[in-house]
PDB file of N, CA and C in Angstrom:
ATOM      1  N   MET A   1     126.540 117.505  84.400  1.00  0.00           N
ATOM      2  CA  MET A   1     126.308 117.410  85.863  1.00  0.00           C
ATOM      3  C   MET A   1     125.676 115.804  85.756  1.00  0.00           C
ATOM      4  N   ALA A   2     126.268 114.974  86.517  1.00  0.00           N
ATOM      5  CA  ALA A   2     125.792 113.592  86.610  1.00  0.00           C
ATOM      6  C   ALA A   2     124.802 113.385  87.354  1.00  0.00           C
ATOM      7  N   ALA A   3     123.663 112.428  86.682  1.00  0.00           N
ATOM      8  CA  ALA A   3     122.370 112.211  87.432  1.00  0.00           C
ATOM      9  C   ALA A   3     122.781 111.572  88.909  1.00  0.00           C
ATOM     10  N   GLN A   4     121.863 111.819  89.841  1.00  0.00           N
ATOM     11  CA  GLN A   4     122.125 111.246  91.303  1.00  0.00           C
ATOM     12  C   GLN A   4     121.011 110.069  91.289  1.00  0.00           C
ATOM     13  N   LEU A   5     121.739 109.019  91.840  1.00  0.00           N
ATOM     14  CA  LEU A   5     120.899 107.705  91.844  1.00  0.00           C
ATOM     15  C   LEU A   5     119.752 107.732  92.755  1.00  0.00           C
ATOM     16  N   LEU A   6     118.834 107.402  92.526  1.00  0.00           N
ATOM     17  CA  LEU A   6     117.430 107.276  93.496  1.00  0.00           C
ATOM     18  C   LEU A   6     117.740 106.316  94.682  1.00  0.00           C
ATOM     19  N   VAL A   7     117.565 106.946  95.769  1.00  0.00           N
ATOM     20  CA  VAL A   7     117.468 106.110  97.067  1.00  0.00           C
ATOM     21  C   VAL A   7     116.062 105.951  97.579  1.00  0.00           C
ATOM     22  N   ILE A   8     115.403 104.933  97.769  1.00  0.00           N
ATOM     23  CA  ILE A   8     114.241 104.943  98.148  1.00  0.00           C
ATOM     24  C   ILE A   8     114.121 104.189  99.647  1.00  0.00           C
ATOM     25  N   GLU A   9     113.862 104.838 100.630  1.00  0.00           N
ATOM     26  CA  GLU A   9     113.644 104.369 102.028  1.00  0.00           C
ATOM     27  C   GLU A   9     112.168 104.048 102.209  1.00  0.00           C
ATOM     28  N   VAL A  10     111.875 102.955 102.894  1.00  0.00           N
ATOM     29  CA  VAL A  10     110.356 102.977 103.079  1.00  0.00           C
ATOM     30  C   VAL A  10     110.278 102.628 104.699  1.00  0.00           C
ATOM     31  N   ASP A  11     109.262 103.180 105.161  1.00  0.00           N
ATOM     32  CA  ASP A  11     108.929 103.273 106.591  1.00  0.00           C
ATOM     33  C   ASP A  11     107.339 102.493 106.682  1.00  0.00           C
ATOM     34  N   ARG A  12     107.184 101.250 107.046  1.00  0.00           N
ATOM     35  CA  ARG A  12     106.191 100.825 107.136  1.00  0.00           C
ATOM     36  C   ARG A  12     105.639 101.252 108.574  1.00  0.00           C
ATOM     37  N   GLN A  13     104.489 102.055 108.565  1.00  0.00           N
ATOM     38  CA  GLN A  13     103.798 102.437 109.585  1.00  0.00           C
ATOM     39  C   GLN A  13     102.562 101.551 110.417  1.00  0.00           C
ATOM     40  N   ASP A  14     101.698 102.036 110.669  1.00  0.00           N
ATOM     41  CA  ASP A  14     100.850 101.145 111.152  1.00  0.00           C
ATOM     42  C   ASP A  14     100.020 100.418 109.915  1.00  0.00           C
ATOM     43  N   THR A  15      99.020  99.692 110.247  1.00  0.00           N
ATOM     44  CA  THR A  15      98.330  98.875 109.207  1.00  0.00           C
ATOM     45  C   THR A  15      97.936  99.774 108.163  1.00  0.00           C
ATOM     46  N   GLY A  16      98.246  99.202 107.022  1.00  0.00           N
ATOM     47  CA  GLY A  16      98.043  99.886 105.664  1.00  0.00           C
ATOM     48  C   GLY A  16      98.756 101.184 105.375  1.00  0.00           C
ATOM     49  N   HIS A  17      99.269 101.692 106.036  1.00  0.00           N
ATOM     50  CA  HIS A  17     100.193 103.075 105.826  1.00  0.00           C
ATOM     51  C   HIS A  17     101.453 102.748 105.786  1.00  0.00           C
ATOM     52  N   ALA A  18     102.315 103.487 104.656  1.00  0.00           N
ATOM     53  CA  ALA A  18     103.633 103.560 104.533  1.00  0.00           C
ATOM     54  C   ALA A  18     104.087 104.961 103.727  1.00  0.00           C
ATOM     55  N   GLU A  19     105.327 105.214 104.154  1.00  0.00           N
ATOM     56  CA  GLU A  19     106.042 106.358 103.786  1.00  0.00           C
ATOM     57  C   GLU A  19     107.165 105.835 102.860  1.00  0.00           C
ATOM     58  N   LEU A  20     107.361 106.492 101.770  1.00  0.00           N
ATOM     59  CA  LEU A  20     108.547 106.273 100.930  1.00  0.00           C
ATOM     60  C   LEU A  20     109.108 107.565 100.641  1.00  0.00           C
ATOM     61  N   ARG A  21     110.690 107.789 101.249  1.00  0.00           N
ATOM     62  CA  ARG A  21     111.277 108.890 101.099  1.00  0.00           C
ATOM     63  C   ARG A  21     112.235 108.695 100.015  1.00  0.00           C
ATOM     64  N   LEU A  22     112.317 109.625  99.150  1.00  0.00           N
ATOM     65  CA  LEU A  22     113.103 109.652  98.043  1.00  0.00           C
ATOM     66  C   LEU A  22     114.108 110.436  97.877  1.00  0.00           C
ATOM     67  N   THR A  23     115.545 110.095  97.588  1.00  0.00           N
ATOM     68  CA  THR A  23     116.693 110.776  97.621  1.00  0.00           C
ATOM     69  C   THR A  23     117.464 110.787  96.327  1.00  0.00           C
ATOM     70  N   GLY A  24     117.489 111.775  95.496  1.00  0.00           N
ATOM     71  CA  GLY A  24     118.252 111.892  94.124  1.00  0.00           C
ATOM     72  C   GLY A  24     117.353 112.215  93.155  1.00  0.00           C
ATOM     73  N   ASP A  25     117.645 111.732  91.932  1.00  0.00           N
ATOM     74  CA  ASP A  25     116.895 111.979  90.513  1.00  0.00           C
ATOM     75  C   ASP A  25     115.927 110.962  90.243  1.00  0.00           C
ATOM     76  N   LEU A  26     114.587 111.284  89.977  1.00  0.00           N
ATOM     77  CA  LEU A  26     113.440 110.422  89.598  1.00  0.00           C
ATOM     78  C   LEU A  26     113.369 110.899  88.173  1.00  0.00           C
ATOM     79  N   ASP A  27     114.170 109.966  87.203  1.00  0.00           N
ATOM     80  CA  ASP A  27     114.066 109.939  85.715  1.00  0.00           C
ATOM     81  C   ASP A  27     113.916 108.751  85.248  1.00  0.00           C
ATOM     82  N   PHE A  28     114.285 108.801  84.022  1.00  0.00           N
ATOM     83  CA  PHE A  28     113.890 107.631  82.904  1.00  0.00           C
ATOM     84  C   PHE A  28     114.447 106.213  83.738  1.00  0.00           C
ATOM     85  N   ASP A  29     115.751 106.487  84.261  1.00  0.00           N
ATOM     86  CA  ASP A  29     116.376 105.195  84.716  1.00  0.00           C
ATOM     87  C   ASP A  29     115.863 104.779  86.190  1.00  0.00           C
ATOM     88  N   SER A  30     115.296 105.713  86.823  1.00  0.00           N
ATOM     89  CA  SER A  30     114.800 105.404  88.206  1.00  0.00           C
ATOM     90  C   SER A  30     113.662 105.384  88.456  1.00  0.00           C
ATOM     91  N   ALA A  31     112.501 105.751  87.781  1.00  0.00           N
ATOM     92  CA  ALA A  31     111.384 105.837  87.850  1.00  0.00           C
ATOM     93  C   ALA A  31     110.853 104.400  87.932  1.00  0.00           C
ATOM     94  N   PRO A  32     111.049 103.150  87.257  1.00  0.00           N
ATOM     95  CA  PRO A  32     110.836 102.117  87.421  1.00  0.00           C
ATOM     96  C   PRO A  32     110.934 101.454  88.901  1.00  0.00           C
ATOM     97  N   GLU A  33     112.014 101.996  89.568  1.00  0.00           N
ATOM     98  CA  GLU A  33     112.346 101.372  90.842  1.00  0.00           C
ATOM     99  C   GLU A  33     111.234 101.999  91.912  1.00  0.00           C
ATOM    100  N   LEU A  34     110.442 103.196  91.714  1.00  0.00           N
ATOM    101  CA  LEU A  34     109.427 103.833  92.240  1.00  0.00           C
ATOM    102  C   LEU A  34     108.215 103.011  92.152  1.00  0.00           C
ATOM    103  N   VAL A  35     108.117 102.740  91.080  1.00  0.00           N
ATOM    104  CA  VAL A  35     106.751 102.037  90.497  1.00  0.00           C
ATOM    105  C   VAL A  35     106.936 100.509  91.295  1.00  0.00           C
ATOM    106  N   ASP A  36     108.232  99.814  91.117  1.00  0.00           N
ATOM    107  CA  ASP A  36     108.258  98.640  91.664  1.00  0.00           C
ATOM    108  C   ASP A  36     108.054  98.538  93.210  1.00  0.00           C
ATOM    109  N   ALA A  37     108.837  99.838  93.881  1.00  0.00           N
ATOM    110  CA  ALA A  37     108.512  99.853  95.382  1.00  0.00           C
ATOM    111  C   ALA A  37     107.182  99.979  95.640  1.00  0.00           C
ATOM    112  N   VAL A  38     106.416 100.850  94.930  1.00  0.00           N
ATOM    113  CA  VAL A  38     104.950 101.094  95.422  1.00  0.00           C
ATOM    114  C   VAL A  38     104.196  99.719  95.144  1.00  0.00           C
ATOM    115  N   ALA A  39     104.321  99.050  93.994  1.00  0.00           N
ATOM    116  CA  ALA A  39     103.855  97.778  93.618  1.00  0.00           C
ATOM    117  C   ALA A  39     104.174  96.759  95.021  1.00  0.00           C
ATOM    118  N   ALA A  40     105.135  96.665  95.470  1.00  0.00           N
ATOM    119  CA  ALA A  40     105.411  95.827  96.208  1.00  0.00           C
ATOM    120  C   ALA A  40     104.652  96.085  97.701  1.00  0.00           C
ATOM    121  N   LEU A  41     104.575  97.416  97.701  1.00  0.00           N
ATOM    122  CA  LEU A  41     104.005  97.767  99.327  1.00  0.00           C
ATOM    123  C   LEU A  41     102.542  97.498  98.926  1.00  0.00           C
ATOM    124  N   ARG A  42     101.717  97.868  97.822  1.00  0.00           N
ATOM    125  CA  ARG A  42     100.539  97.344  97.479  1.00  0.00           C
ATOM    126  C   ARG A  42     100.199  95.768  97.868  1.00  0.00           C
ATOM    127  N   ARG A  43     101.212  95.269  97.268  1.00  0.00           N
ATOM    128  CA  ARG A  43     100.830  93.488  97.028  1.00  0.00           C
ATOM    129  C   ARG A  43     100.936  93.194  98.704  1.00  0.00           C
ATOM    130  N   ASP A  44     101.791  94.051  99.598  1.00  0.00           N
ATOM    131  CA  ASP A  44     101.712  93.646 101.094  1.00  0.00           C
ATOM    132  C   ASP A  44     100.516  94.125 101.846  1.00  0.00           C
ATOM    133  N   GLY A  45      99.738  95.055 101.254  1.00  0.00           N
ATOM    134  CA  GLY A  45      98.257  95.391 101.853  1.00  0.00           C
ATOM    135  C   GLY A  45      98.595  96.923 102.049  1.00  0.00           C
ATOM    136  N   TYR A  46      99.478  97.703 101.702  1.00  0.00           N
ATOM    137  CA  TYR A  46      99.804  99.064 102.279  1.00  0.00           C
ATOM    138  C   TYR A  46      98.959  99.822 101.027  1.00  0.00           C
ATOM    139  N   GLN A  47      97.955 100.629 101.424  1.00  0.00           N
ATOM    140  CA  GLN A  47      97.136 101.271 100.395  1.00  0.00           C
ATOM    141  C   GLN A  47      97.446 102.979 100.597  1.00  0.00           C
ATOM    142  N   HIS A  48      97.602 103.347 101.807  1.00  0.00           N
ATOM    143  CA  HIS A  48      97.798 104.640 102.440  1.00  0.00           C
ATOM    144  C   HIS A  48      99.134 105.012 102.287  1.00  0.00           C
ATOM    145  N   LEU A  49      99.860 105.415 101.081  1.00  0.00           N
ATOM    146  CA  LEU A  49     101.250 105.770 100.709  1.00  0.00           C
ATOM    147  C   LEU A  49     101.173 107.352 100.578  1.00  0.00           C
ATOM    148  N   VAL A  50     102.500 107.661 101.169  1.00  0.00           N
ATOM    149  CA  VAL A  50     103.018 109.040 101.547  1.00  0.00           C
ATOM    150  C   VAL A  50     104.323 108.703 100.728  1.00  0.00           C
ATOM    151  N   ILE A  51     104.684 109.914  99.671  1.00  0.00           N
ATOM    152  CA  ILE A  51     105.770 109.784  99.059  1.00  0.00           C
ATOM    153  C   ILE A  51     106.425 111.229  99.197  1.00  0.00           C
ATOM    154  N   ASP A  52     107.630 111.057 100.001  1.00  0.00           N
ATOM    155  CA  ASP A  52     108.251 112.467 100.674  1.00  0.00           C
ATOM    156  C   ASP A  52     109.401 112.946  99.491  1.00  0.00           C
ATOM    157  N   LEU A  53     109.438 113.814  98.627  1.00  0.00           N
ATOM    158  CA  LEU A  53     110.021 114.163  97.729  1.00  0.00           C
ATOM    159  C   LEU A  53     111.028 115.215  98.041  1.00  0.00           C
ATOM    160  N   THR A  54     111.339 115.397  99.456  1.00  0.00           N
ATOM    161  CA  THR A  54     112.039 116.454 100.016  1.00  0.00           C
ATOM    162  C   THR A  54     113.693 116.430  99.097  1.00  0.00           C
ATOM    163  N   GLY A  55     114.143 115.050  99.346  1.00  0.00           N
ATOM    164  CA  GLY A  55     115.522 114.844  98.702  1.00  0.00           C
ATOM    165  C   GLY A  55     115.639 114.574  97.317  1.00  0.00           C
ATOM    166  N   VAL A  56     114.580 114.775  96.643  1.00  0.00           N
ATOM    167  CA  VAL A  56     114.501 114.868  94.911  1.00  0.00           C
ATOM    168  C   VAL A  56     115.153 116.206  94.140  1.00  0.00           C
ATOM    169  N   GLY A  57     115.999 116.041  93.689  1.00  0.00           N
ATOM    170  CA  GLY A  57     116.748 116.998  92.980  1.00  0.00           C
ATOM    171  C   GLY A  57     116.004 117.268  91.590  1.00  0.00           C
ATOM    172  N   MET A  58     115.781 116.264  90.751  1.00  0.00           N
ATOM    173  CA  MET A  58     114.930 116.529  89.679  1.00  0.00           C
ATOM    174  C   MET A  58     114.060 115.491  89.390  1.00  0.00           C
ATOM    175  N   CYS A  59     112.990 115.838  88.728  1.00  0.00           N
ATOM    176  CA  CYS A  59     111.831 114.693  88.245  1.00  0.00           C
ATOM    177  C   CYS A  59     111.491 115.000  86.865  1.00  0.00           C
ATOM    178  N   ASP A  60     111.668 114.094  86.035  1.00  0.00           N
ATOM    179  CA  ASP A  60     111.285 114.414  84.494  1.00  0.00           C
ATOM    180  C   ASP A  60     109.945 113.790  84.266  1.00  0.00           C
ATOM    181  N   SER A  61     109.737 113.649  82.917  1.00  0.00           N
ATOM    182  CA  SER A  61     108.260 113.205  82.367  1.00  0.00           C
ATOM    183  C   SER A  61     108.166 111.633  82.829  1.00  0.00           C
ATOM    184  N   SER A  62     109.413 111.002  82.976  1.00  0.00           N
ATOM    185  CA  SER A  62     109.326 109.639  83.450  1.00  0.00           C
ATOM    186  C   SER A  62     108.829 109.280  84.746  1.00  0.00           C
ATOM    187  N   GLY A  63     109.354 110.493  85.764  1.00  0.00           N
ATOM    188  CA  GLY A  63     108.876 110.321  87.036  1.00  0.00           C
ATOM    189  C   GLY A  63     107.559 110.707  87.325  1.00  0.00           C
ATOM    190  N   LEU A  64     106.970 111.910  86.356  1.00  0.00           N
ATOM    191  CA  LEU A  64     105.517 112.094  86.499  1.00  0.00           C
ATOM    192  C   LEU A  64     104.729 110.570  85.907  1.00  0.00           C
ATOM    193  N   SER A  65     105.269 109.939  84.946  1.00  0.00           N
ATOM    194  CA  SER A  65     104.495 108.754  84.660  1.00  0.00           C
ATOM    195  C   SER A  65     104.453 107.509  85.767  1.00  0.00           C
ATOM    196  N   ALA A  66     105.704 107.717  86.421  1.00  0.00           N
ATOM    197  CA  ALA A  66     105.701 106.742  87.515  1.00  0.00           C
ATOM    198  C   ALA A  66     104.739 107.048  88.655  1.00  0.00           C
ATOM    199  N   PHE A  67     104.469 108.538  88.877  1.00  0.00           N
ATOM    200  CA  PHE A  67     103.265 108.772  89.866  1.00  0.00           C
ATOM    201  C   PHE A  67     102.059 108.254  89.629  1.00  0.00           C
ATOM    202  N   VAL A  68     101.597 108.558  88.146  1.00  0.00           N
ATOM    203  CA  VAL A  68     100.694 107.887  87.541  1.00  0.00           C
ATOM    204  C   VAL A  68     100.411 106.263  87.545  1.00  0.00           C
ATOM    205  N   ILE A  69     101.266 105.773  87.412  1.00  0.00           N
ATOM    206  CA  ILE A  69     101.324 104.308  87.102  1.00  0.00           C
ATOM    207  C   ILE A  69     101.285 103.811  88.608  1.00  0.00           C
ATOM    208  N   ALA A  70     101.856 104.353  89.710  1.00  0.00           N
ATOM    209  CA  ALA A  70     101.565 104.192  91.030  1.00  0.00           C
ATOM    210  C   ALA A  70     100.261 104.344  91.909  1.00  0.00           C
ATOM    211  N   HIS A  71      99.519 105.366  91.021  1.00  0.00           N
ATOM    212  CA  HIS A  71      98.527 105.871  91.547  1.00  0.00           C
ATOM    213  C   HIS A  71      97.248 104.811  91.037  1.00  0.00           C
ATOM    214  N   TRP A  72      97.423 104.495  89.768  1.00  0.00           N
ATOM    215  CA  TRP A  72      96.583 103.392  89.226  1.00  0.00           C
ATOM    216  C   TRP A  72      96.432 102.055  89.829  1.00  0.00           C
ATOM    217  N   GLY A  73      97.375 101.662  90.655  1.00  0.00           N
ATOM    218  CA  GLY A  73      97.536 100.461  91.192  1.00  0.00           C
ATOM    219  C   GLY A  73      96.958 100.491  92.779  1.00  0.00           C
ATOM    220  N   GLY A  74      96.306 101.667  93.151  1.00  0.00           N
ATOM    221  CA  GLY A  74      95.433 101.645  94.435  1.00  0.00           C
ATOM    222  C   GLY A  74      94.310 102.212  94.443  1.00  0.00           C
ATOM    223  N   SER A  75      93.623 102.077  95.760  1.00  0.00           N
ATOM    224  CA  SER A  75      92.396 102.240  95.730  1.00  0.00           C
ATOM    225  C   SER A  75      92.208 103.929  96.532  1.00  0.00           C
ATOM    226  N   VAL A  76      93.618 104.359  96.977  1.00  0.00           N
ATOM    227  CA  VAL A  76      93.460 105.700  97.738  1.00  0.00           C
ATOM    228  C   VAL A  76      94.678 106.493  96.843  1.00  0.00           C
ATOM    229  N   PRO A  77      94.385 107.857  96.707  1.00  0.00           N
ATOM    230  CA  PRO A  77      95.409 108.379  96.022  1.00  0.00           C
ATOM    231  C   PRO A  77      96.875 108.786  96.857  1.00  0.00           C
ATOM    232  N   LEU A  78      97.579 108.712  96.047  1.00  0.00           N
ATOM    233  CA  LEU A  78      99.166 108.885  96.687  1.00  0.00           C
ATOM    234  C   LEU A  78      99.215 110.309  97.083  1.00  0.00           C
ATOM    235  N   ARG A  79      99.854 110.541  98.372  1.00  0.00           N
ATOM    236  CA  ARG A  79     100.038 111.829  98.768  1.00  0.00           C
ATOM    237  C   ARG A  79     101.413 111.942  98.679  1.00  0.00           C
ATOM    238  N   LEU A  80     101.740 113.180  98.142  1.00  0.00           N
ATOM    239  CA  LEU A  80     103.214 113.825  97.735  1.00  0.00           C
ATOM    240  C   LEU A  80     103.470 114.733  98.676  1.00  0.00           C
ATOM    241  N   ILE A  81     104.569 114.786  99.546  1.00  0.00           N
ATOM    242  CA  ILE A  81     104.902 115.666 100.300  1.00  0.00           C
ATOM    243  C   ILE A  81     106.298 116.061 100.077  1.00  0.00           C
ATOM    244  N   GLY A  82     106.814 117.390 100.558  1.00  0.00           N
ATOM    245  CA  GLY A  82     108.069 117.647 100.414  1.00  0.00           C
ATOM    246  C   GLY A  82     108.172 117.950  98.788  1.00  0.00           C
ATOM    247  N   VAL A  83     107.287 118.659  98.051  1.00  0.00           N
ATOM    248  CA  VAL A  83     107.076 118.904  96.720  1.00  0.00           C
ATOM    249  C   VAL A  83     107.784 120.284  96.453  1.00  0.00           C
ATOM    250  N   ASN A  84     109.023 120.531  96.002  1.00  0.00           N
ATOM    251  CA  ASN A  84     109.401 121.510  95.693  1.00  0.00           C
ATOM    252  C   ASN A  84     108.666 122.531  94.736  1.00  0.00           C
ATOM    253  N   ALA A  85     109.053 123.824  94.436  1.00  0.00           N
ATOM    254  CA  ALA A  85     108.288 124.718  93.581  1.00  0.00           C
ATOM    255  C   ALA A  85     108.273 124.524  92.297  1.00  0.00           C
ATOM    256  N   SER A  86     109.309 124.046  91.920  1.00  0.00           N
ATOM    257  CA  SER A  86     109.377 123.492  90.304  1.00  0.00           C
ATOM    258  C   SER A  86     108.359 122.311  90.001  1.00  0.00           C
ATOM    259  N   LEU A  87     108.656 121.411  90.891  1.00  0.00           N
ATOM    260  CA  LEU A  87     107.921 120.209  90.675  1.00  0.00           C
ATOM    261  C   LEU A  87     106.318 120.575  90.848  1.00  0.00           C
ATOM    262  N   ARG A  88     106.103 121.374  91.996  1.00  0.00           N
ATOM    263  CA  ARG A  88     104.656 121.364  91.954  1.00  0.00           C
ATOM    264  C   ARG A  88     104.173 122.281  90.913  1.00  0.00           C
ATOM    265  N   GLN A  89     104.909 123.181  90.233  1.00  0.00           N
ATOM    266  CA  GLN A  89     104.649 123.967  89.098  1.00  0.00           C
ATOM    267  C   GLN A  89     104.232 122.693  87.578  1.00  0.00           C
ATOM    268  N   LEU A  90     104.881 121.689  87.723  1.00  0.00           N
ATOM    269  CA  LEU A  90     105.036 120.650  86.797  1.00  0.00           C
ATOM    270  C   LEU A  90     103.692 120.102  86.980  1.00  0.00           C
ATOM    271  N   LEU A  91     103.604 119.704  88.149  1.00  0.00           N
ATOM    272  CA  LEU A  91     102.383 118.991  88.674  1.00  0.00           C
ATOM    273  C   LEU A  91     101.004 119.610  88.310  1.00  0.00           C
ATOM    274  N   VAL A  92     101.024 120.919  88.698  1.00  0.00           N
ATOM    275  CA  VAL A  92      99.870 121.837  88.329  1.00  0.00           C
ATOM    276  C   VAL A  92      99.931 121.705  86.391  1.00  0.00           C
ATOM    277  N   ARG A  93     100.613 122.061  85.871  1.00  0.00           N
ATOM    278  CA  ARG A  93     100.586 122.303  84.450  1.00  0.00           C
ATOM    279  C   ARG A  93     100.231 120.989  83.779  1.00  0.00           C
ATOM    280  N   THR A  94     100.616 119.832  84.412  1.00  0.00           N
ATOM    281  CA  THR A  94     100.096 118.583  83.639  1.00  0.00           C
ATOM    282  C   THR A  94      98.878 118.135  84.264  1.00  0.00           C
ATOM    283  N   GLY A  95      98.266 118.602  85.377  1.00  0.00           N
ATOM    284  CA  GLY A  95      96.887 118.243  85.640  1.00  0.00           C
ATOM    285  C   GLY A  95      97.188 117.075  86.756  1.00  0.00           C
ATOM    286  N   LEU A  96      98.230 116.912  87.141  1.00  0.00           N
ATOM    287  CA  LEU A  96      98.418 115.657  87.973  1.00  0.00           C
ATOM    288  C   LEU A  96      97.920 116.088  89.406  1.00  0.00           C
ATOM    289  N   THR A  97      97.691 117.216  89.752  1.00  0.00           N
ATOM    290  CA  THR A  97      97.171 117.909  91.055  1.00  0.00           C
ATOM    291  C   THR A  97      95.751 117.306  91.236  1.00  0.00           C
ATOM    292  N   GLU A  98      95.335 116.715  90.149  1.00  0.00           N
ATOM    293  CA  GLU A  98      93.965 116.574  90.259  1.00  0.00           C
ATOM    294  C   GLU A  98      93.678 115.096  90.626  1.00  0.00           C
ATOM    295  N   LEU A  99      94.738 114.380  90.422  1.00  0.00           N
ATOM    296  CA  LEU A  99      95.178 112.931  90.572  1.00  0.00           C
ATOM    297  C   LEU A  99      95.761 112.469  91.750  1.00  0.00           C
ATOM    298  N   LEU A 100      96.708 113.170  92.198  1.00  0.00           N
ATOM    299  CA  LEU A 100      97.546 113.037  93.374  1.00  0.00           C
ATOM    300  C   LEU A 100      96.871 113.950  94.259  1.00  0.00           C
ATOM    301  N   GLU A 101      97.538 113.662  95.575  1.00  0.00           N
ATOM    302  CA  GLU A 101      97.018 114.334  96.784  1.00  0.00           C
ATOM    303  C   GLU A 101      98.296 115.158  97.216  1.00  0.00           C
ATOM    304  N   LEU A 102      98.137 116.598  97.246  1.00  0.00           N
ATOM    305  CA  LEU A 102      99.492 117.450  97.813  1.00  0.00           C
ATOM    306  C   LEU A 102      98.971 118.324  98.818  1.00  0.00           C
ATOM    307  N   PRO A 103      99.923 118.655  99.757  1.00  0.00           N
ATOM    308  CA  PRO A 103      99.494 119.568 100.660  1.00  0.00           C
ATOM    309  C   PRO A 103      99.233 121.014 100.072  1.00  0.00           C
ATOM    310  N   PRO A 104      98.963 121.982 100.450  1.00  0.00           N
ATOM    311  CA  PRO A 104      98.552 123.155  99.907  1.00  0.00           C
ATOM    312  C   PRO A 104     100.096 123.834  99.739  1.00  0.00           C
ATOM    313  N   ALA A 105     100.267 124.797  98.725  1.00  0.00           N
ATOM    314  CA  ALA A 105     101.527 125.480  98.586  1.00  0.00           C
ATOM    315  C   ALA A 105     101.746 126.360  99.763  1.00  0.00           C
ATOM    316  N   VAL A 106     102.879 126.573  99.873  1.00  0.00           N
ATOM    317  CA  VAL A 106     103.258 127.841 100.976  1.00  0.00           C
ATOM    318  C   VAL A 106     102.433 128.834 100.847  1.00  0.00           C
ATOM    319  N   GLU A 107     102.636 129.219  99.635  1.00  0.00           N
ATOM    320  CA  GLU A 107     101.882 131.065  98.994  1.00  0.00           C
ATOM    321  C   GLU A 107     100.540 130.660  99.496  1.00  0.00           C
ATOM    322  N   ASP A 108      99.820 129.538  99.301  1.00  0.00           N
ATOM    323  CA  ASP A 108      98.353 129.427  99.473  1.00  0.00           C
ATOM    324  C   ASP A 108      98.198 129.254 100.932  1.00  0.00           C
ATOM    325  N   ARG A 109      99.080 128.695 101.801  1.00  0.00           N
ATOM    326  CA  ARG A 109      98.718 128.824 103.314  1.00  0.00           C
ATOM    327  C   ARG A 109      99.016 130.188 103.909  1.00  0.00           C
ATOM    328  N   ASP A 110      99.967 131.172 103.457  1.00  0.00           N
ATOM    329  CA  ASP A 110     100.238 132.236 103.538  1.00  0.00           C
ATOM    330  C   ASP A 110      98.953 133.338 103.261  1.00  0.00           C
ATOM    331  N   THR A 111      98.354 133.033 102.215  1.00  0.00           N
ATOM    332  CA  THR A 111      97.193 133.736 101.914  1.00  0.00           C
ATOM    333  C   THR A 111      96.055 133.435 102.754  1.00  0.00           C
ATOM    334  N   ARG A 112      95.695 132.297 103.191  1.00  0.00           N
ATOM    335  CA  ARG A 112      94.747 132.015 104.109  1.00  0.00           C
ATOM    336  C   ARG A 112      94.961 132.365 105.343  1.00  0.00           C
ATOM    337  N   ALA A 113      96.300 132.437 105.760  1.00  0.00           N
ATOM    338  CA  ALA A 113      96.629 133.028 107.188  1.00  0.00           C
ATOM    339  C   ALA A 113      96.244 134.393 107.305  1.00  0.00           C
ATOM    340  N   VAL A 114      96.376 135.220 105.947  1.00  0.00           N
ATOM    341  CA  VAL A 114      96.311 136.529 106.132  1.00  0.00           C
ATOM    342  C   VAL A 114      94.618 137.184 105.935  1.00  0.00           C
ATOM    343  N   GLY A 115      93.796 136.354 105.094  1.00  0.00           N
ATOM    344  CA  GLY A 115      92.464 136.560 105.167  1.00  0.00           C
ATOM    345  C   GLY A 115      91.615 135.987 106.171  1.00  0.00           C
TER     346      GLY A 115
END
């Protein structure tokens, strides 16, 4: 199966806020694109960044590294949304959930609603 090229769409919202929507694979070949896109937004004064991963099919260790590098460049944690179950598990196992901001998992929300 061939890798899907990464497409990054940027929505510059109000002052200091932007959302990056990723579609494709976040891997060794494409991770530098994410790092560059985040660095460019930070240079332009955007610190509150949301990365929507709904369209990401695969994320390898280079993609995880890109999240770390992008995080180091700012004063506010990156917020990841649209994180699928396997990527969430990878983020938990690597300890990156301590570094990055993620919404609660669906099962966490279901548990809170019952209790």
